[in-house]
Amino acid sequence: MGIKVRVLAGITRVVGVLLVPVAFCRAPGRARFVACQWALGMRFPAEDLRGLAPDALAAFTRARAEAFWRDGQLIGLTSGHRDAVEQHRIFGEEVWRTGSVEAARRRVLPPEESSHVRGLALDVRPTEGAQWLERHGARYGLYRTYDNEWWHFEFRLVEPVRLPHPGAAAWLAEDGGLRVWGSWPV
């Protein structure tokens, strides 16, 4: 972790502590939680939590509050909910960049298959925050779902099988006509 990142993380933690009394006036029983969300909102001002499914939002904010107060770890959201138009644009750009739909699906899914569109997917930062979430996220129903995306987590009620990449769910394994893959939402 670079010096700038460490300094910003330290400042964010100090700001969080200083905000606890103010947060206590607003939400007495949840002051530390609220102060943490405010401090992280200042550290990651571009993040947008709107559009996340209520359970995914609650899980994410609870997890990052625990990471903040228990371990001093910051977790920011790079991308959460995307509407279908935005997801289609991202997918189309990846198809153009890679030259094929199949290659694009290794990094991004079309809107009808994306958990971002349903508000269940979270792309997080920094790397250390993602590592914390990988170790502790299951307590909140947040799971890393793809081997090739260290930043991508999804809210799930049951731990999913981790796939090698987003497009892997479309693979079909045929065993006497039995479809093993392909119907899983990713």
Foldseek 3Di string as FASTA:
>chain_A
DDPVVVVLLVVLLVQLVVQLVVQCVVPVVCSSLVSNVVSLCVSVVPADLPPADPLLSVLVSVLQSCCCPVPSDHKTFPAFADAQVVLQVQLVVLCVVVVHNLRSQQAGDHSVQDVSNVNFKTFMDDLVNLVSCCVPVVVSQWHAAEPVRSRIIGRDPDDDDRYPGRVPQCDFDDDPNDGDGRPDRD
